[in-house]
């Protein structure tokens, strides 16, 4: 409680001084990441439902951009490839079903191109968000269009946990995923390519991801399947990072992983947490190595817990990530769980409108933290419990430009 009180007092002092989120920049705009995720999968943030007219879809997308700009955010992370489909006229994959309700149906306009143009018009960066391996959020393979790559290459897919995935262990899958993303890099003035936390799927109790045959075929250099799986994801990240720079050097590459690389009781170099999922062991995503090798330009760990949460304490994870990033040149932003504010079943801390503002105050004590991103965009105007208004008043009084990578 003493530490929490100190954080609260510090936050009040910063607000009273009229400082920006990092206590500097009184004469000119500072550089500080202020981002929000616009999720298109399952119509989470945009469009709010399937089958709307092009004009209504555009109106809603403009509203999401305006909502970010009005709160002095400077970056929107737009989900352009939610489920092995596309929010642009891709030559590789069909139009997304989250637009019309039917996969492959042309919406009559180009959402990604529109989003880039209109974001820049408002002074916002547009980071294009791609999911690398998710094919369907259900097991309904019959809803894939006949010409879908998963139908043309059934050897690429693995059903798991009631969903369908591309198999990360198939080299052509990796190359295909990279081609899909690089098409958007070449065609649009995006500011970054962005991945979230989905690589190998989150584990489902009692199920095995069926890639034993793939391991036998492609894993000859590895005695351990887990090491081979991690290498598959390492190759995706390292190769794509290099390819992005070859295509357009100014385009950044960022990843927003689940915040637990490994618990300290698994690995003494891990964080002081007791999480049930560790990205290294369960998603086969060695996020710490990606930072150390500088295969990515920025990392946004999803630190989706409150200060003082016993299993995964925000006040322990932010320092851990600060130390991981130090000296690498990789930018560190912190992912914030706006969706938890005032939500049923959450710990008491999330019913305090000042919890998120305290997070930003806490981050000021860690020099590698260069800003924050919020999940998700639809909650900015909803302003649950007034939490958005509070953090904007405390930390975003002045404009800020996104950091350079």
Protein backbone atom coordinates (compact mmCIF):
# COMPACT_ATOMS: atom_id res chain seq x y z
CA UNK A 1 0.00 0.00 0.00
CA UNK A 2 2.95 2.33 0.67
CA UNK A 3 4.17 1.90 -2.90
CA UNK A 4 0.69 2.51 -4.27
CA UNK A 5 0.39 5.68 -2.21
CA UNK A 6 3.71 6.91 -3.54
CA UNK A 7 2.56 6.34 -7.11
CA UNK A 8 -0.66 8.23 -6.45
CA UNK A 9 1.15 11.17 -4.87
CA UNK A 10 3.60 11.29 -7.75
CA UNK A 11 0.74 11.33 -10.22
CA UNK A 12 -0.89 14.22 -8.43
CA UNK A 13 2.38 16.13 -8.43
CA UNK A 14 2.89 15.64 -12.17
CA UNK A 15 -0.66 16.77 -12.92
CA UNK A 16 -0.31 19.81 -10.65
CA UNK A 17 2.91 20.80 -12.39
CA UNK A 18 1.16 20.73 -15.75
CA UNK A 19 3.76 18.41 -17.21
CA UNK A 20 3.21 16.13 -20.17
CA UNK A 21 3.36 12.33 -19.83
CA UNK A 22 7.13 12.34 -19.37
CA UNK A 23 7.52 15.59 -17.48
CA UNK A 24 9.13 17.53 -20.33
CA UNK A 25 8.27 19.32 -23.53
CA UNK A 26 6.79 22.54 -22.23
CA UNK A 27 8.16 24.50 -25.18
CA UNK A 28 7.49 22.04 -28.01
CA UNK A 29 5.72 18.74 -28.64
CA UNK A 30 7.49 15.78 -27.09
CA UNK A 31 7.94 12.34 -28.59
CA UNK A 32 5.71 9.85 -26.82
CA UNK A 33 3.73 6.90 -28.14
CA UNK A 34 0.00 7.35 -27.62
CA UNK A 35 -1.73 4.60 -29.55
CA UNK A 36 -4.96 2.65 -29.80
CA UNK A 37 -5.75 -0.67 -31.44
CA UNK A 38 -8.62 -0.81 -33.96
CA UNK A 39 -9.56 -4.49 -34.05
CA UNK A 40 -11.56 -5.66 -37.06
CA UNK A 41 -11.73 -9.37 -36.17
CA UNK A 42 -15.24 -10.26 -34.97
CA UNK A 43 -16.16 -6.59 -35.55
CA UNK A 44 -14.67 -5.67 -32.17
CA UNK A 45 -13.95 -2.02 -33.01
CA UNK A 46 -14.74 -1.55 -36.68
CA UNK A 47 -16.99 -1.96 -38.56
CA UNK A 48 -19.46 -2.38 -35.72
CA UNK A 49 -21.34 -5.02 -37.73
CA UNK A 50 -21.10 -6.81 -41.04
CA UNK A 51 -22.97 -5.86 -44.19
CA UNK A 52 -23.05 -2.08 -43.76
CA UNK A 53 -22.82 0.19 -46.76
CA UNK A 54 -19.45 1.52 -47.85
CA UNK A 55 -20.50 5.01 -46.80
CA UNK A 56 -21.44 3.87 -43.30
CA UNK A 57 -18.23 1.84 -42.92
CA UNK A 58 -16.22 4.89 -43.90
CA UNK A 59 -18.17 7.12 -41.49
CA UNK A 60 -17.47 4.73 -38.63
CA UNK A 61 -13.77 4.47 -39.49
CA UNK A 62 -13.43 8.24 -39.60
CA UNK A 63 -15.07 8.39 -36.19
CA UNK A 64 -12.45 6.00 -34.78
CA UNK A 65 -9.68 8.21 -36.17
CA UNK A 66 -11.29 11.40 -34.88
CA UNK A 67 -11.78 9.86 -31.43
CA UNK A 68 -8.04 9.15 -31.25
CA UNK A 69 -7.02 12.61 -32.48
CA UNK A 70 -9.46 14.37 -30.14
CA UNK A 71 -7.75 12.73 -27.14
CA UNK A 72 -4.30 13.75 -28.39
CA UNK A 73 -3.32 10.24 -29.34
CA UNK A 74 -0.94 10.04 -32.27
CA UNK A 75 -1.09 6.45 -33.56
CA UNK A 76 -3.80 4.05 -34.67
CA UNK A 77 -3.03 0.34 -35.09
CA UNK A 78 -5.47 -0.85 -37.76
CA UNK A 79 -6.08 -4.59 -38.15
CA UNK A 80 -5.63 -5.21 -41.87
CA UNK A 81 -5.34 -9.03 -41.92
CA UNK A 82 -7.49 -10.49 -39.14
CA UNK A 83 -8.10 -14.10 -40.28
CA UNK A 84 -6.07 -15.00 -43.38
CA UNK A 85 -8.10 -12.41 -45.27
CA UNK A 86 -7.59 -8.79 -46.21
CA UNK A 87 -8.86 -5.28 -45.63
CA UNK A 88 -7.34 -4.27 -48.97
CA UNK A 89 -7.51 -5.76 -52.48
CA UNK A 90 -4.85 -8.39 -51.84
CA UNK A 91 -3.70 -10.58 -54.75
CA UNK A 92 -3.08 -13.40 -52.26
CA UNK A 93 -6.11 -13.60 -49.96
CA UNK A 94 -9.83 -12.85 -50.13
CA UNK A 95 -11.66 -9.80 -48.89
CA UNK A 96 -12.43 -10.11 -45.19
CA UNK A 97 -15.80 -11.47 -44.15
CA UNK A 98 -15.87 -8.90 -41.34
CA UNK A 99 -16.78 -6.30 -43.96
CA UNK A 100 -19.71 -7.76 -45.88
CA UNK A 101 -20.44 -10.91 -43.89
CA UNK A 102 -19.27 -13.05 -46.82
CA UNK A 103 -15.63 -13.81 -47.35
CA UNK A 104 -14.37 -12.68 -50.74
CA UNK A 105 -17.12 -10.13 -51.39
CA UNK A 106 -15.67 -6.84 -52.66
CA UNK A 107 -16.82 -4.01 -50.37
CA UNK A 108 -16.49 -1.47 -53.18
CA UNK A 109 -13.68 0.50 -51.54
CA UNK A 110 -10.22 0.05 -50.01
CA UNK A 111 -10.34 0.24 -46.19
CA UNK A 112 -6.58 0.08 -45.64
CA UNK A 113 -5.83 2.75 -48.22
CA UNK A 114 -8.61 4.93 -46.81
CA UNK A 115 -7.36 4.42 -43.23
CA UNK A 116 -3.79 5.39 -44.13
CA UNK A 117 -4.84 8.51 -46.01
CA UNK A 118 -7.32 9.74 -43.40
CA UNK A 119 -5.05 8.95 -40.44
CA UNK A 120 -2.23 10.99 -41.97
CA UNK A 121 -4.64 13.80 -42.71
CA UNK A 122 -5.31 13.97 -38.96
CA UNK A 123 -1.65 13.83 -38.00
CA UNK A 124 -1.89 10.20 -36.87
CA UNK A 125 0.50 7.39 -37.71
CA UNK A 126 -1.13 4.29 -39.17
CA UNK A 127 0.38 0.97 -38.11
CA UNK A 128 -1.03 -1.92 -40.15
CA UNK A 129 -1.74 -4.93 -37.94
CA UNK A 130 -1.45 -8.44 -39.36
CA UNK A 131 -2.24 -11.80 -37.78
CA UNK A 132 0.26 -14.26 -39.27
CA UNK A 133 -1.31 -17.70 -38.81
CA UNK A 134 -5.00 -17.55 -37.85
CA UNK A 135 -7.24 -18.84 -40.65
CA UNK A 136 -10.61 -18.99 -38.90
CA UNK A 137 -11.90 -18.15 -35.44
CA UNK A 138 -14.09 -21.24 -35.69
CA UNK A 139 -13.86 -24.68 -37.28
CA UNK A 140 -16.13 -23.85 -40.24
CA UNK A 141 -13.77 -24.59 -43.10
CA UNK A 142 -16.77 -24.61 -45.45
CA UNK A 143 -17.00 -20.83 -45.05
CA UNK A 144 -13.64 -20.35 -46.72
CA UNK A 145 -14.01 -19.26 -50.33
CA UNK A 146 -13.13 -22.09 -52.76
CA UNK A 147 -9.99 -20.31 -53.97
CA UNK A 148 -8.73 -19.62 -50.46
CA UNK A 149 -5.07 -20.64 -49.99
CA UNK A 150 -6.15 -22.97 -47.18
CA UNK A 151 -8.32 -24.87 -49.67
CA UNK A 152 -5.65 -24.92 -52.35
CA UNK A 153 -3.08 -26.12 -49.81
CA UNK A 154 -4.86 -28.28 -47.22
CA UNK A 155 -1.44 -29.48 -46.07
CA UNK A 156 -0.84 -25.97 -44.70
CA UNK A 157 -3.58 -25.99 -42.07
CA UNK A 158 -4.06 -27.45 -38.59
CA UNK A 159 -7.44 -27.51 -36.78
CA UNK A 160 -6.90 -26.83 -33.10
CA UNK A 161 -9.11 -25.79 -30.21
CA UNK A 162 -12.16 -25.30 -32.40
CA UNK A 163 -10.27 -22.97 -34.76
CA UNK A 164 -8.17 -23.30 -37.91
CA UNK A 165 -4.54 -22.20 -38.22
CA UNK A 166 -1.81 -22.13 -40.79
CA UNK A 167 1.01 -24.42 -39.67
CA UNK A 168 4.03 -22.24 -38.74
CA UNK A 169 6.36 -25.20 -39.33
CA UNK A 170 5.74 -25.30 -43.08
CA UNK A 171 8.35 -23.07 -44.74
CA UNK A 172 6.03 -22.11 -47.60
CA UNK A 173 3.44 -20.93 -45.08
CA UNK A 174 6.01 -18.58 -43.61
CA UNK A 175 7.02 -17.29 -47.04
CA UNK A 176 3.38 -16.88 -48.06
CA UNK A 177 2.58 -14.90 -44.91
CA UNK A 178 5.51 -12.61 -45.59
CA UNK A 179 4.39 -12.05 -49.20
CA UNK A 180 0.90 -11.08 -48.05
CA UNK A 181 2.28 -8.49 -45.64
CA UNK A 182 4.90 -7.10 -48.00
CA UNK A 183 2.21 -6.49 -50.60
CA UNK A 184 0.65 -3.95 -48.22
CA UNK A 185 4.06 -2.47 -47.38
CA UNK A 186 4.77 -1.85 -51.06
CA UNK A 187 1.35 -0.45 -51.94
CA UNK A 188 0.56 1.80 -48.98
CA UNK A 189 2.25 4.55 -47.03
CA UNK A 190 1.90 2.69 -43.75
CA UNK A 191 4.12 3.74 -40.87
CA UNK A 192 4.61 0.27 -39.41
CA UNK A 193 3.87 -3.42 -39.68
CA UNK A 194 2.41 -4.63 -36.39
CA UNK A 195 1.93 -8.10 -34.90
CA UNK A 196 0.06 -8.87 -31.71
CA UNK A 197 0.52 -11.91 -29.42
CA UNK A 198 -0.67 -14.75 -31.69
CA UNK A 199 2.01 -17.07 -33.07
CA UNK A 200 1.55 -20.73 -32.22
CA UNK A 201 -1.93 -20.80 -30.66
CA UNK A 202 -2.55 -20.41 -26.97
CA UNK A 203 -2.60 -23.91 -25.42
CA UNK A 204 -5.93 -25.73 -25.08
CA UNK A 205 -6.13 -28.26 -22.27
CA UNK A 206 -6.13 -31.86 -23.49
CA UNK A 207 -5.22 -31.02 -27.10
CA UNK A 208 -1.97 -31.25 -29.02
CA UNK A 209 -1.16 -29.04 -31.98
CA UNK A 210 -0.87 -31.69 -34.71
CA UNK A 211 2.49 -30.92 -36.29
CA UNK A 212 4.41 -34.13 -35.62
CA UNK A 213 4.55 -35.01 -39.31
CA UNK A 214 5.73 -31.48 -40.12
CA UNK A 215 8.43 -31.79 -37.48
CA UNK A 216 9.64 -35.06 -38.99
CA UNK A 217 9.78 -33.46 -42.41
CA UNK A 218 11.34 -30.09 -41.60
CA UNK A 219 12.84 -30.40 -38.11
CA UNK A 220 15.89 -32.49 -38.89
CA UNK A 221 18.29 -30.10 -37.21
CA UNK A 222 16.41 -30.13 -33.91
CA UNK A 223 16.22 -32.85 -31.28
CA UNK A 224 13.49 -30.95 -29.44
CA UNK A 225 10.19 -29.98 -31.06
CA UNK A 226 9.83 -26.91 -28.84
CA UNK A 227 13.18 -25.54 -30.05
CA UNK A 228 12.13 -26.18 -33.65
CA UNK A 229 8.83 -24.37 -33.11
CA UNK A 230 10.63 -21.37 -31.61
CA UNK A 231 13.00 -21.34 -34.56
CA UNK A 232 10.05 -21.25 -36.95
CA UNK A 233 8.74 -18.10 -35.29
CA UNK A 234 12.23 -16.60 -35.02
CA UNK A 235 12.61 -17.04 -38.79
CA UNK A 236 9.26 -15.34 -39.42
CA UNK A 237 10.28 -12.32 -37.35
CA UNK A 238 13.89 -12.00 -38.49
CA UNK A 239 13.17 -12.52 -42.19
CA UNK A 240 10.17 -10.24 -42.24
CA UNK A 241 12.03 -7.49 -40.40
CA UNK A 242 14.80 -7.56 -43.00
CA UNK A 243 12.33 -7.71 -45.90
CA UNK A 244 10.38 -4.71 -44.63
CA UNK A 245 13.56 -2.61 -44.52
CA UNK A 246 14.57 -3.75 -48.00
CA UNK A 247 11.14 -2.78 -49.30
CA UNK A 248 10.75 0.56 -47.47
CA UNK A 249 13.42 1.46 -44.97
CA UNK A 250 11.25 3.96 -43.09
CA UNK A 251 8.53 1.39 -42.28
CA UNK A 252 8.82 0.17 -38.68
CA UNK A 253 8.21 -3.37 -37.45
CA UNK A 254 6.62 -3.79 -34.04
CA UNK A 255 5.27 -6.67 -31.97
CA UNK A 256 2.83 -6.58 -29.04
CA UNK A 257 3.36 -9.85 -27.16
CA UNK A 258 1.71 -11.31 -24.11
CA UNK A 259 3.81 -9.67 -21.41
CA UNK A 260 5.24 -12.80 -19.74
CA UNK A 261 8.35 -14.06 -21.53
CA UNK A 262 9.00 -16.60 -18.76
CA UNK A 263 8.26 -16.70 -15.04
CA UNK A 264 11.27 -16.50 -12.72
CA UNK A 265 10.52 -19.93 -11.30
CA UNK A 266 10.91 -21.33 -14.83
CA UNK A 267 13.96 -19.25 -15.70
CA UNK A 268 15.88 -17.02 -13.25
CA UNK A 269 16.08 -14.38 -15.99
CA UNK A 270 12.29 -14.27 -16.25
CA UNK A 271 9.92 -11.86 -14.54
CA UNK A 272 8.74 -12.11 -10.94
CA UNK A 273 5.35 -13.45 -12.01
CA UNK A 274 3.32 -16.66 -11.73
CA UNK A 275 1.45 -16.54 -15.03
CA UNK A 276 -0.15 -19.67 -16.45
CA UNK A 277 1.13 -18.85 -19.96
CA UNK A 278 4.72 -18.04 -20.92
CA UNK A 279 5.35 -16.91 -24.48
CA UNK A 280 8.67 -18.76 -24.74
CA UNK A 281 7.22 -22.11 -23.69
CA UNK A 282 3.58 -21.96 -24.79
CA UNK A 283 3.43 -19.70 -27.87
CA UNK A 284 7.02 -20.52 -28.91
CA UNK A 285 7.68 -16.80 -29.19
CA UNK A 286 11.10 -15.87 -27.80
CA UNK A 287 10.22 -12.21 -27.52
CA UNK A 288 13.31 -11.31 -25.49
CA UNK A 289 15.60 -12.58 -28.25
CA UNK A 290 13.73 -10.53 -30.86
CA UNK A 291 14.52 -7.42 -28.85
CA UNK A 292 18.12 -8.37 -28.13
CA UNK A 293 18.80 -9.20 -31.78
CA UNK A 294 16.95 -6.03 -32.86
CA UNK A 295 14.84 -7.93 -35.33
CA UNK A 296 12.03 -5.53 -34.44
CA UNK A 297 11.91 -1.75 -34.05
CA UNK A 298 9.53 -1.60 -31.12
CA UNK A 299 7.88 -3.89 -28.59
CA UNK A 300 4.54 -3.34 -26.82
CA UNK A 301 4.17 -5.97 -24.07
CA UNK A 302 0.52 -6.36 -23.15
CA UNK A 303 0.83 -5.55 -19.45
CA UNK A 304 -2.89 -6.05 -18.95
CA UNK A 305 -2.87 -6.22 -15.13
CA UNK A 306 -3.23 -3.66 -12.38
CA UNK A 307 -0.57 -2.35 -10.04
CA UNK A 308 -0.31 -4.84 -7.20
CA UNK A 309 -1.92 -7.80 -8.98
CA UNK A 310 -0.28 -10.77 -7.27
CA UNK A 311 0.14 -13.14 -10.22
CA UNK A 312 1.39 -10.54 -12.71
CA UNK A 313 2.05 -7.15 -11.14
CA UNK A 314 2.21 -4.16 -13.48
CA UNK A 315 4.80 -2.67 -11.12
CA UNK A 316 7.09 -5.68 -11.63
CA UNK A 317 6.61 -6.23 -15.36
CA UNK A 318 7.32 -2.69 -16.52
CA UNK A 319 10.77 -2.68 -14.81
CA UNK A 320 11.53 -6.12 -16.25
CA UNK A 321 10.81 -4.97 -19.78
CA UNK A 322 12.70 -1.72 -19.18
CA UNK A 323 15.79 -3.80 -18.39
CA UNK A 324 15.28 -6.12 -21.40
CA UNK A 325 15.14 -3.18 -23.81
CA UNK A 326 17.95 -1.13 -22.26
CA UNK A 327 20.88 -0.74 -24.65
CA UNK A 328 19.20 -2.44 -27.61
CA UNK A 329 17.84 0.57 -29.48
CA UNK A 330 14.39 -1.05 -29.59
CA UNK A 331 11.57 1.26 -28.49
CA UNK A 332 9.43 0.14 -25.57
CA UNK A 333 5.75 1.03 -25.27
CA UNK A 334 3.38 -0.52 -22.73
CA UNK A 335 0.07 -2.09 -23.77
CA UNK A 336 -2.79 -1.01 -21.48
CA UNK A 337 -6.00 -2.89 -20.68
CA UNK A 338 -8.56 -0.15 -21.17
CA UNK A 339 -11.10 -2.92 -21.70
CA UNK A 340 -10.80 -3.98 -18.06
CA UNK A 341 -11.85 -0.62 -16.60
CA UNK A 342 -15.19 -1.06 -14.85
CA UNK A 343 -15.66 -4.53 -16.35
CA UNK A 344 -17.51 -7.18 -14.36
CA UNK A 345 -15.30 -9.74 -12.68
CA UNK A 346 -12.15 -7.63 -12.68
CA UNK A 347 -10.15 -6.87 -9.51
CA UNK A 348 -11.15 -3.85 -7.46
CA UNK A 349 -8.33 -1.72 -8.87
CA UNK A 350 -10.08 -1.61 -12.24
CA UNK A 351 -13.03 0.18 -10.66
CA UNK A 352 -10.83 3.14 -9.79
CA UNK A 353 -10.93 5.74 -12.61
CA UNK A 354 -7.32 6.70 -11.83
CA UNK A 355 -5.76 3.23 -12.29
CA UNK A 356 -4.66 3.81 -15.89
CA UNK A 357 -3.38 7.28 -15.07
CA UNK A 358 -1.29 5.77 -12.28
CA UNK A 359 0.17 3.35 -14.83
CA UNK A 360 1.44 6.24 -16.93
CA UNK A 361 2.84 7.96 -13.85
CA UNK A 362 4.62 4.73 -12.88
CA UNK A 363 6.12 4.43 -16.37
CA UNK A 364 7.74 7.84 -16.01
CA UNK A 365 10.24 6.26 -13.62
CA UNK A 366 11.58 3.93 -16.34
CA UNK A 367 13.59 5.68 -19.05
CA UNK A 368 13.10 3.03 -21.73
CA UNK A 369 9.30 3.38 -21.66
CA UNK A 370 8.39 5.77 -24.46
CA UNK A 371 4.61 5.62 -24.29
CA UNK A 372 1.51 3.48 -24.12
CA UNK A 373 -1.12 1.84 -26.34
CA UNK A 374 -4.73 1.11 -25.40
CA UNK A 375 -6.98 -1.82 -26.19
CA UNK A 376 -9.30 -1.04 -27.69
CA UNK A 377 -10.42 1.95 -29.77
CA UNK A 378 -14.17 1.73 -29.21
CA UNK A 379 -13.63 2.40 -25.51
CA UNK A 380 -12.06 5.82 -26.04
CA UNK A 381 -15.43 7.57 -26.56
CA UNK A 382 -17.18 5.30 -24.06
CA UNK A 383 -14.72 6.56 -21.41
CA UNK A 384 -15.51 3.88 -18.82
CA UNK A 385 -15.68 5.39 -15.30
CA UNK A 386 -14.12 8.53 -16.75
CA UNK A 387 -10.75 6.74 -16.91
CA UNK A 388 -9.89 8.06 -20.38
CA UNK A 389 -10.74 11.62 -19.41
CA UNK A 390 -8.59 11.24 -16.31
CA UNK A 391 -5.48 10.00 -18.09
CA UNK A 392 -5.83 12.59 -20.85
CA UNK A 393 -6.13 15.39 -18.28
CA UNK A 394 -3.20 14.06 -16.25
CA UNK A 395 -0.83 13.11 -19.06
CA UNK A 396 -1.95 14.26 -22.51
CA UNK A 397 -2.51 17.98 -22.05
CA UNK A 398 -0.07 18.75 -24.84
CA UNK A 399 0.33 17.12 -28.25
CA UNK A 400 3.11 14.61 -28.78
CA UNK A 401 4.72 13.12 -31.84
CA UNK A 402 5.37 9.38 -32.05
CA UNK A 403 8.91 8.33 -31.14
CA UNK A 404 11.40 7.62 -33.86
CA UNK A 405 12.57 4.04 -34.39
